[in-house]
PDB file of all heavy atoms in Angstrom:
ATOM      1  N   ARG A   1       0.831  -1.205   0.000  1.00  0.00           N
ATOM      2  CA  ARG A   1       0.000   0.000   0.000  1.00  0.00           C
ATOM      3  C   ARG A   1       0.867   1.257   0.000  1.00  0.00           C
ATOM      4  O   ARG A   1       0.579   2.233  -0.692  1.00  0.00           O
ATOM      5  CB  ARG A   1      -0.898   0.020   1.231  1.00  0.00           C
ATOM      6  CG  ARG A   1      -1.788  -1.200   1.401  1.00  0.00           C
ATOM      7  CD  ARG A   1      -3.108  -1.056   0.655  1.00  0.00           C
ATOM      8  NE  ARG A   1      -3.011  -1.410  -0.742  1.00  0.00           N
ATOM      9  CZ  ARG A   1      -4.020  -1.322  -1.606  1.00  0.00           C
ATOM     10  NH1 ARG A   1      -5.178  -0.884  -1.222  1.00  0.00           N
ATOM     11  NH2 ARG A   1      -3.873  -1.667  -2.856  1.00  0.00           N
ATOM     12  N   LEU A   2       1.953   1.242   0.781  1.00  0.00           N
ATOM     13  CA  LEU A   2       2.838   2.405   0.842  1.00  0.00           C
ATOM     14  C   LEU A   2       3.554   2.614  -0.487  1.00  0.00           C
ATOM     15  O   LEU A   2       3.743   3.746  -0.939  1.00  0.00           O
ATOM     16  CB  LEU A   2       3.848   2.232   1.976  1.00  0.00           C
ATOM     17  CG  LEU A   2       3.256   2.269   3.397  1.00  0.00           C
ATOM     18  CD1 LEU A   2       4.339   1.964   4.426  1.00  0.00           C
ATOM     19  CD2 LEU A   2       2.603   3.607   3.692  1.00  0.00           C
ATOM     20  N   ARG A   3       3.970   1.508  -1.125  1.00  0.00           N
ATOM     21  CA  ARG A   3       4.615   1.635  -2.436  1.00  0.00           C
ATOM     22  C   ARG A   3       3.649   2.189  -3.475  1.00  0.00           C
ATOM     23  O   ARG A   3       4.018   3.011  -4.322  1.00  0.00           O
ATOM     24  CB  ARG A   3       5.174   0.284  -2.885  1.00  0.00           C
ATOM     25  CG  ARG A   3       6.459  -0.117  -2.188  1.00  0.00           C
ATOM     26  CD  ARG A   3       7.146  -1.264  -2.911  1.00  0.00           C
ATOM     27  NE  ARG A   3       6.354  -2.485  -2.844  1.00  0.00           N
ATOM     28  CZ  ARG A   3       6.453  -3.384  -1.874  1.00  0.00           C
ATOM     29  NH1 ARG A   3       7.279  -3.184  -0.872  1.00  0.00           N
ATOM     30  NH2 ARG A   3       5.716  -4.477  -1.898  1.00  0.00           N
ATOM     31  N   LEU A   4       2.390   1.737  -3.410  1.00  0.00           N
ATOM     32  CA  LEU A   4       1.379   2.236  -4.340  1.00  0.00           C
ATOM     33  C   LEU A   4       1.122   3.727  -4.102  1.00  0.00           C
ATOM     34  O   LEU A   4       0.975   4.508  -5.039  1.00  0.00           O
ATOM     35  CB  LEU A   4       0.091   1.436  -4.195  1.00  0.00           C
ATOM     36  CG  LEU A   4      -1.063   1.814  -5.136  1.00  0.00           C
ATOM     37  CD1 LEU A   4      -0.624   1.724  -6.587  1.00  0.00           C
ATOM     38  CD2 LEU A   4      -2.266   0.923  -4.885  1.00  0.00           C
ATOM     39  N   ARG A   5       1.069   4.127  -2.833  1.00  0.00           N
ATOM     40  CA  ARG A   5       0.901   5.544  -2.512  1.00  0.00           C
ATOM     41  C   ARG A   5       2.010   6.377  -3.132  1.00  0.00           C
ATOM     42  O   ARG A   5       1.770   7.427  -3.746  1.00  0.00           O
ATOM     43  CB  ARG A   5       0.903   5.735  -0.995  1.00  0.00           C
ATOM     44  CG  ARG A   5       0.799   7.186  -0.539  1.00  0.00           C
ATOM     45  CD  ARG A   5       1.364   7.381   0.841  1.00  0.00           C
ATOM     46  NE  ARG A   5       2.785   7.042   0.896  1.00  0.00           N
ATOM     47  CZ  ARG A   5       3.524   7.105   1.999  1.00  0.00           C
ATOM     48  NH1 ARG A   5       2.962   7.442   3.139  1.00  0.00           N
ATOM     49  NH2 ARG A   5       4.807   6.794   1.970  1.00  0.00           N
ATOM     50  N   ASP A   6       3.271   5.907  -3.002  1.00  0.00           N
ATOM     51  CA  ASP A   6       4.406   6.654  -3.557  1.00  0.00           C
ATOM     52  C   ASP A   6       4.337   6.705  -5.078  1.00  0.00           C
ATOM     53  O   ASP A   6       4.689   7.711  -5.703  1.00  0.00           O
ATOM     54  CB  ASP A   6       5.726   6.012  -3.113  1.00  0.00           C
ATOM     55  CG  ASP A   6       5.963   6.133  -1.612  1.00  0.00           C
ATOM     56  OD1 ASP A   6       5.348   7.017  -0.999  1.00  0.00           O
ATOM     57  OD2 ASP A   6       6.747   5.340  -1.076  1.00  0.00           O
ATOM     58  N   GLU A   7       3.864   5.609  -5.687  1.00  0.00           N
ATOM     59  CA  GLU A   7       3.749   5.580  -7.145  1.00  0.00           C
ATOM     60  C   GLU A   7       2.699   6.563  -7.642  1.00  0.00           C
ATOM     61  O   GLU A   7       2.893   7.253  -8.647  1.00  0.00           O
ATOM     62  CB  GLU A   7       3.406   4.166  -7.616  1.00  0.00           C
ATOM     63  CG  GLU A   7       3.400   4.026  -9.136  1.00  0.00           C
ATOM     64  CD  GLU A   7       3.069   2.615  -9.567  1.00  0.00           C
ATOM     65  OE1 GLU A   7       3.048   1.706  -8.711  1.00  0.00           O
ATOM     66  OE2 GLU A   7       2.813   2.421 -10.762  1.00  0.00           O
ATOM     67  N   VAL A   8       1.583   6.633  -6.917  1.00  0.00           N
ATOM     68  CA  VAL A   8       0.533   7.586  -7.282  1.00  0.00           C
ATOM     69  C   VAL A   8       1.077   9.009  -7.234  1.00  0.00           C
ATOM     70  O   VAL A   8       0.849   9.820  -8.136  1.00  0.00           O
ATOM     71  CB  VAL A   8      -0.687   7.430  -6.359  1.00  0.00           C
ATOM     72  CG1 VAL A   8      -1.643   8.596  -6.534  1.00  0.00           C
ATOM     73  CG2 VAL A   8      -1.403   6.113  -6.641  1.00  0.00           C
ATOM     74  N   LYS A   9       1.811   9.324  -6.171  1.00  0.00           N
ATOM     75  CA  LYS A   9       2.377  10.666  -6.047  1.00  0.00           C
ATOM     76  C   LYS A   9       3.332  10.971  -7.195  1.00  0.00           C
ATOM     77  O   LYS A   9       3.365  12.085  -7.733  1.00  0.00           O
ATOM     78  CB  LYS A   9       3.123  10.800  -4.714  1.00  0.00           C
ATOM     79  CG  LYS A   9       2.225  10.867  -3.490  1.00  0.00           C
ATOM     80  CD  LYS A   9       3.065  11.058  -2.233  1.00  0.00           C
ATOM     81  CE  LYS A   9       2.198  11.203  -0.998  1.00  0.00           C
ATOM     82  NZ  LYS A   9       3.022  11.394   0.225  1.00  0.00           N
ATOM     83  N   ALA A  10       4.139   9.975  -7.563  1.00  0.00           N
ATOM     84  CA  ALA A  10       5.158  10.204  -8.589  1.00  0.00           C
ATOM     85  C   ALA A  10       4.577  10.318  -9.986  1.00  0.00           C
ATOM     86  O   ALA A  10       5.078  11.071 -10.824  1.00  0.00           O
ATOM     87  CB  ALA A  10       6.194   9.081  -8.553  1.00  0.00           C
ATOM     88  N   LEU A  11       3.495   9.575 -10.264  1.00  0.00           N
ATOM     89  CA  LEU A  11       3.006   9.471 -11.633  1.00  0.00           C
ATOM     90  C   LEU A  11       1.867  10.419 -11.968  1.00  0.00           C
ATOM     91  O   LEU A  11       1.584  10.658 -13.138  1.00  0.00           O
ATOM     92  CB  LEU A  11       2.550   8.038 -11.920  1.00  0.00           C
ATOM     93  CG  LEU A  11       3.647   6.976 -11.931  1.00  0.00           C
ATOM     94  CD1 LEU A  11       3.056   5.643 -12.330  1.00  0.00           C
ATOM     95  CD2 LEU A  11       4.773   7.353 -12.875  1.00  0.00           C
ATOM     96  N   CYS A  12       1.197  10.968 -10.977  1.00  0.00           N
ATOM     97  CA  CYS A  12       0.044  11.809 -11.279  1.00  0.00           C
ATOM     98  C   CYS A  12       0.421  13.051 -12.073  1.00  0.00           C
ATOM     99  O   CYS A  12      -0.414  13.625 -12.774  1.00  0.00           O
ATOM    100  CB  CYS A  12      -0.669  12.217  -9.989  1.00  0.00           C
ATOM    101  SG  CYS A  12      -1.789  10.938  -9.371  1.00  0.00           S
ATOM    102  N   ALA A  13       1.682  13.491 -11.961  1.00  0.00           N
ATOM    103  CA  ALA A  13       2.105  14.686 -12.687  1.00  0.00           C
ATOM    104  C   ALA A  13       2.514  14.376 -14.120  1.00  0.00           C
ATOM    105  O   ALA A  13       2.744  15.281 -14.918  1.00  0.00           O
ATOM    106  CB  ALA A  13       3.270  15.353 -11.956  1.00  0.00           C
ATOM    107  N   GLN A  14       2.634  13.089 -14.482  1.00  0.00           N
ATOM    108  CA  GLN A  14       3.060  12.726 -15.832  1.00  0.00           C
ATOM    109  C   GLN A  14       1.851  12.649 -16.768  1.00  0.00           C
ATOM    110  O   GLN A  14       0.711  12.538 -16.340  1.00  0.00           O
ATOM    111  CB  GLN A  14       3.773  11.376 -15.818  1.00  0.00           C
ATOM    112  CG  GLN A  14       5.101  11.434 -15.071  1.00  0.00           C
ATOM    113  CD  GLN A  14       5.916  10.181 -15.314  1.00  0.00           C
ATOM    114  OE1 GLN A  14       5.628   9.403 -16.220  1.00  0.00           O
ATOM    115  NE2 GLN A  14       6.950  10.004 -14.524  1.00  0.00           N
ATOM    116  N   TYR A  15       2.143  12.693 -18.060  1.00  0.00           N
ATOM    117  CA  TYR A  15       1.125  12.577 -19.103  1.00  0.00           C
ATOM    118  C   TYR A  15      -0.057  13.491 -18.836  1.00  0.00           C
ATOM    119  O   TYR A  15      -1.213  13.047 -18.687  1.00  0.00           O
ATOM    120  CB  TYR A  15       0.650  11.126 -19.240  1.00  0.00           C
ATOM    121  CG  TYR A  15       1.781  10.164 -19.415  1.00  0.00           C
ATOM    122  CD1 TYR A  15       2.077   9.201 -18.451  1.00  0.00           C
ATOM    123  CD2 TYR A  15       2.595  10.230 -20.536  1.00  0.00           C
ATOM    124  CE1 TYR A  15       3.140   8.328 -18.608  1.00  0.00           C
ATOM    125  CE2 TYR A  15       3.653   9.356 -20.706  1.00  0.00           C
ATOM    126  CZ  TYR A  15       3.922   8.408 -19.747  1.00  0.00           C
ATOM    127  OH  TYR A  15       4.963   7.550 -19.901  1.00  0.00           O
ATOM    128  N   PRO A  16       0.161  14.814 -18.761  1.00  0.00           N
ATOM    129  CA  PRO A  16      -0.928  15.733 -18.416  1.00  0.00           C
ATOM    130  C   PRO A  16      -2.075  15.710 -19.414  1.00  0.00           C
ATOM    131  O   PRO A  16      -3.207  16.032 -19.061  1.00  0.00           O
ATOM    132  CB  PRO A  16      -0.241  17.100 -18.396  1.00  0.00           C
ATOM    133  CG  PRO A  16       0.985  16.939 -19.232  1.00  0.00           C
ATOM    134  CD  PRO A  16       1.418  15.523 -19.011  1.00  0.00           C
ATOM    135  N   PHE A  17      -1.819  15.308 -20.670  1.00  0.00           N
ATOM    136  CA  PHE A  17      -2.908  15.305 -21.648  1.00  0.00           C
ATOM    137  C   PHE A  17      -3.992  14.298 -21.266  1.00  0.00           C
ATOM    138  O   PHE A  17      -5.164  14.476 -21.606  1.00  0.00           O
ATOM    139  CB  PHE A  17      -2.380  15.010 -23.058  1.00  0.00           C
ATOM    140  CG  PHE A  17      -1.998  13.572 -23.295  1.00  0.00           C
ATOM    141  CD1 PHE A  17      -2.907  12.680 -23.823  1.00  0.00           C
ATOM    142  CD2 PHE A  17      -0.728  13.118 -22.998  1.00  0.00           C
ATOM    143  CE1 PHE A  17      -2.569  11.365 -24.058  1.00  0.00           C
ATOM    144  CE2 PHE A  17      -0.372  11.803 -23.225  1.00  0.00           C
ATOM    145  CZ  PHE A  17      -1.292  10.925 -23.750  1.00  0.00           C
ATOM    146  N   VAL A  18      -3.630  13.243 -20.511  1.00  0.00           N
ATOM    147  CA  VAL A  18      -4.631  12.275 -20.067  1.00  0.00           C
ATOM    148  C   VAL A  18      -5.609  12.949 -19.109  1.00  0.00           C
ATOM    149  O   VAL A  18      -6.821  12.741 -19.176  1.00  0.00           O
ATOM    150  CB  VAL A  18      -3.950  11.068 -19.386  1.00  0.00           C
ATOM    151  CG1 VAL A  18      -5.003  10.123 -18.821  1.00  0.00           C
ATOM    152  CG2 VAL A  18      -3.068  10.332 -20.390  1.00  0.00           C
ATOM    153  N   GLN A  19      -5.082  13.792 -18.214  1.00  0.00           N
ATOM    154  CA  GLN A  19      -5.938  14.470 -17.258  1.00  0.00           C
ATOM    155  C   GLN A  19      -6.858  15.478 -17.945  1.00  0.00           C
ATOM    156  O   GLN A  19      -7.895  15.846 -17.399  1.00  0.00           O
ATOM    157  CB  GLN A  19      -5.082  15.189 -16.222  1.00  0.00           C
ATOM    158  CG  GLN A  19      -4.170  14.255 -15.446  1.00  0.00           C
ATOM    159  CD  GLN A  19      -3.250  15.006 -14.505  1.00  0.00           C
ATOM    160  OE1 GLN A  19      -3.472  16.175 -14.220  1.00  0.00           O
ATOM    161  NE2 GLN A  19      -2.216  14.335 -14.023  1.00  0.00           N
ATOM    162  N   ASN A  20      -6.476  15.939 -19.140  1.00  0.00           N
ATOM    163  CA  ASN A  20      -7.257  16.956 -19.836  1.00  0.00           C
ATOM    164  C   ASN A  20      -8.293  16.373 -20.790  1.00  0.00           C
ATOM    165  O   ASN A  20      -8.989  17.118 -21.469  1.00  0.00           O
ATOM    166  CB  ASN A  20      -6.325  17.891 -20.612  1.00  0.00           C
ATOM    167  CG  ASN A  20      -5.419  18.693 -19.690  1.00  0.00           C
ATOM    168  OD1 ASN A  20      -5.799  18.999 -18.571  1.00  0.00           O
ATOM    169  ND2 ASN A  20      -4.223  19.009 -20.151  1.00  0.00           N
ATOM    170  N   ILE A  21      -8.390  15.041 -20.866  1.00  0.00           N
ATOM    171  CA  ILE A  21      -9.395  14.432 -21.731  1.00  0.00           C
ATOM    172  C   ILE A  21     -10.773  14.675 -21.117  1.00  0.00           C
ATOM    173  O   ILE A  21     -11.028  14.246 -19.989  1.00  0.00           O
ATOM    174  CB  ILE A  21      -9.133  12.923 -21.912  1.00  0.00           C
ATOM    175  CG1 ILE A  21      -7.820  12.711 -22.669  1.00  0.00           C
ATOM    176  CG2 ILE A  21     -10.293  12.255 -22.652  1.00  0.00           C
ATOM    177  CD1 ILE A  21      -7.426  11.260 -22.816  1.00  0.00           C
ATOM    178  N   PRO A  22     -11.677  15.359 -21.815  1.00  0.00           N
ATOM    179  CA  PRO A  22     -12.984  15.688 -21.233  1.00  0.00           C
ATOM    180  C   PRO A  22     -13.870  14.456 -21.090  1.00  0.00           C
ATOM    181  O   PRO A  22     -13.639  13.423 -21.733  1.00  0.00           O
ATOM    182  CB  PRO A  22     -13.579  16.681 -22.232  1.00  0.00           C
ATOM    183  CG  PRO A  22     -12.922  16.343 -23.533  1.00  0.00           C
ATOM    184  CD  PRO A  22     -11.532  15.892 -23.187  1.00  0.00           C
ATOM    185  N   ARG A  23     -14.890  14.574 -20.268  1.00  0.00           N
ATOM    186  CA  ARG A  23     -15.760  13.442 -19.976  1.00  0.00           C
ATOM    187  C   ARG A  23     -16.455  12.903 -21.224  1.00  0.00           C
ATOM    188  O   ARG A  23     -16.740  11.701 -21.311  1.00  0.00           O
ATOM    189  CB  ARG A  23     -16.785  13.854 -18.924  1.00  0.00           C
ATOM    190  CG  ARG A  23     -17.652  12.711 -18.425  1.00  0.00           C
ATOM    191  CD  ARG A  23     -18.434  13.121 -17.205  1.00  0.00           C
ATOM    192  NE  ARG A  23     -17.558  13.377 -16.081  1.00  0.00           N
ATOM    193  CZ  ARG A  23     -17.088  12.436 -15.257  1.00  0.00           C
ATOM    194  NH1 ARG A  23     -17.414  11.175 -15.471  1.00  0.00           N
ATOM    195  NH2 ARG A  23     -16.320  12.748 -14.241  1.00  0.00           N
ATOM    196  N   GLU A  24     -16.722  13.776 -22.200  1.00  0.00           N
ATOM    197  CA  GLU A  24     -17.403  13.291 -23.406  1.00  0.00           C
ATOM    198  C   GLU A  24     -16.528  12.363 -24.246  1.00  0.00           C
ATOM    199  O   GLU A  24     -17.012  11.699 -25.160  1.00  0.00           O
ATOM    200  CB  GLU A  24     -17.905  14.458 -24.260  1.00  0.00           C
ATOM    201  CG  GLU A  24     -16.815  15.424 -24.688  1.00  0.00           C
ATOM    202  CD  GLU A  24     -16.715  16.627 -23.764  1.00  0.00           C
ATOM    203  OE1 GLU A  24     -17.095  16.501 -22.572  1.00  0.00           O
ATOM    204  OE2 GLU A  24     -16.250  17.678 -24.229  1.00  0.00           O
ATOM    205  N   ARG A  25     -15.224  12.329 -23.939  1.00  0.00           N
ATOM    206  CA  ARG A  25     -14.338  11.388 -24.627  1.00  0.00           C
ATOM    207  C   ARG A  25     -13.893  10.251 -23.714  1.00  0.00           C
ATOM    208  O   ARG A  25     -12.867   9.624 -23.953  1.00  0.00           O
ATOM    209  CB  ARG A  25     -13.122  12.134 -25.205  1.00  0.00           C
ATOM    210  CG  ARG A  25     -13.460  12.917 -26.459  1.00  0.00           C
ATOM    211  CD  ARG A  25     -12.232  13.349 -27.227  1.00  0.00           C
ATOM    212  NE  ARG A  25     -11.770  14.672 -26.825  1.00  0.00           N
ATOM    213  CZ  ARG A  25     -10.552  14.937 -26.382  1.00  0.00           C
ATOM    214  NH1 ARG A  25      -9.673  13.973 -26.260  1.00  0.00           N
ATOM    215  NH2 ARG A  25     -10.213  16.165 -26.047  1.00  0.00           N
ATOM    216  N   VAL A  26     -14.674   9.985 -22.665  1.00  0.00           N
ATOM    217  CA  VAL A  26     -14.481   8.814 -21.814  1.00  0.00           C
ATOM    218  C   VAL A  26     -15.564   7.810 -22.183  1.00  0.00           C
ATOM    219  O   VAL A  26     -16.755   8.080 -22.006  1.00  0.00           O
ATOM    220  CB  VAL A  26     -14.568   9.173 -20.314  1.00  0.00           C
ATOM    221  CG1 VAL A  26     -14.395   7.918 -19.465  1.00  0.00           C
ATOM    222  CG2 VAL A  26     -13.510  10.215 -19.958  1.00  0.00           C
ATOM    223  N   VAL A  27     -15.156   6.665 -22.714  1.00  0.00           N
ATOM    224  CA  VAL A  27     -16.094   5.670 -23.231  1.00  0.00           C
ATOM    225  C   VAL A  27     -16.168   4.507 -22.242  1.00  0.00           C
ATOM    226  O   VAL A  27     -15.171   3.844 -21.974  1.00  0.00           O
ATOM    227  CB  VAL A  27     -15.644   5.162 -24.613  1.00  0.00           C
ATOM    228  CG1 VAL A  27     -16.684   4.207 -25.200  1.00  0.00           C
ATOM    229  CG2 VAL A  27     -15.391   6.327 -25.559  1.00  0.00           C
ATOM    230  N   GLY A  28     -17.346   4.269 -21.692  1.00  0.00           N
ATOM    231  CA  GLY A  28     -17.521   3.237 -20.679  1.00  0.00           C
ATOM    232  C   GLY A  28     -17.275   3.795 -19.284  1.00  0.00           C
ATOM    233  O   GLY A  28     -16.872   4.945 -19.115  1.00  0.00           O
ATOM    234  N   ASP A  29     -17.499   2.944 -18.270  1.00  0.00           N
ATOM    235  CA  ASP A  29     -17.352   3.428 -16.890  1.00  0.00           C
ATOM    236  C   ASP A  29     -16.738   2.416 -15.941  1.00  0.00           C
ATOM    237  O   ASP A  29     -16.571   2.701 -14.761  1.00  0.00           O
ATOM    238  CB  ASP A  29     -18.707   3.871 -16.331  1.00  0.00           C
ATOM    239  CG  ASP A  29     -19.757   2.770 -16.402  1.00  0.00           C
ATOM    240  OD1 ASP A  29     -19.399   1.607 -16.681  1.00  0.00           O
ATOM    241  OD2 ASP A  29     -20.937   3.080 -16.175  1.00  0.00           O
ATOM    242  N   SER A  30     -16.346   1.232 -16.416  1.00  0.00           N
ATOM    243  CA  SER A  30     -15.742   0.242 -15.520  1.00  0.00           C
ATOM    244  C   SER A  30     -14.953  -0.765 -16.335  1.00  0.00           C
ATOM    245  O   SER A  30     -15.154  -0.908 -17.540  1.00  0.00           O
ATOM    246  CB  SER A  30     -16.815  -0.474 -14.694  1.00  0.00           C
ATOM    247  OG  SER A  30     -17.678  -1.224 -15.545  1.00  0.00           O
ATOM    248  N   GLY A  31     -14.050  -1.477 -15.637  1.00  0.00           N
ATOM    249  CA  GLY A  31     -13.221  -2.477 -16.295  1.00  0.00           C
ATOM    250  C   GLY A  31     -11.793  -2.006 -16.487  1.00  0.00           C
ATOM    251  O   GLY A  31     -11.323  -1.105 -15.793  1.00  0.00           O
ATOM    252  N   SER A  32     -11.079  -2.599 -17.420  1.00  0.00           N
ATOM    253  CA  SER A  32      -9.710  -2.203 -17.741  1.00  0.00           C
ATOM    254  C   SER A  32      -9.738  -0.888 -18.516  1.00  0.00           C
ATOM    255  O   SER A  32     -10.576  -0.692 -19.404  1.00  0.00           O
ATOM    256  CB  SER A  32      -9.018  -3.277 -18.584  1.00  0.00           C
ATOM    257  OG  SER A  32      -8.844  -4.466 -17.843  1.00  0.00           O
ATOM    258  N   LEU A  33      -8.818  -0.008 -18.185  1.00  0.00           N
ATOM    259  CA  LEU A  33      -8.800   1.326 -18.790  1.00  0.00           C
ATOM    260  C   LEU A  33      -7.655   1.449 -19.786  1.00  0.00           C
ATOM    261  O   LEU A  33      -6.504   1.160 -19.462  1.00  0.00           O
ATOM    262  CB  LEU A  33      -8.662   2.393 -17.700  1.00  0.00           C
ATOM    263  CG  LEU A  33      -8.574   3.843 -18.180  1.00  0.00           C
ATOM    264  CD1 LEU A  33      -9.849   4.235 -18.929  1.00  0.00           C
ATOM    265  CD2 LEU A  33      -8.349   4.771 -17.003  1.00  0.00           C
ATOM    266  N   PHE A  34      -7.975   1.862 -21.002  1.00  0.00           N
ATOM    267  CA  PHE A  34      -6.993   2.104 -22.046  1.00  0.00           C
ATOM    268  C   PHE A  34      -7.075   3.562 -22.476  1.00  0.00           C
ATOM    269  O   PHE A  34      -8.164   4.107 -22.635  1.00  0.00           O
ATOM    270  CB  PHE A  34      -7.254   1.221 -23.278  1.00  0.00           C
ATOM    271  CG  PHE A  34      -7.174  -0.256 -23.008  1.00  0.00           C
ATOM    272  CD1 PHE A  34      -8.280  -0.955 -22.562  1.00  0.00           C
ATOM    273  CD2 PHE A  34      -5.986  -0.945 -23.208  1.00  0.00           C
ATOM    274  CE1 PHE A  34      -8.223  -2.310 -22.303  1.00  0.00           C
ATOM    275  CE2 PHE A  34      -5.908  -2.307 -22.958  1.00  0.00           C
ATOM    276  CZ  PHE A  34      -7.029  -2.988 -22.506  1.00  0.00           C
TER     277      PHE A  34
END
């Protein structure tokens, strides 16, 4: 759990374009995410 916490902190700042994808371009709501 602690390693996962550190990974979340380290990776959330990467690939900012993913964070900017609007909800209308999110297809589906559960399962594996691509």
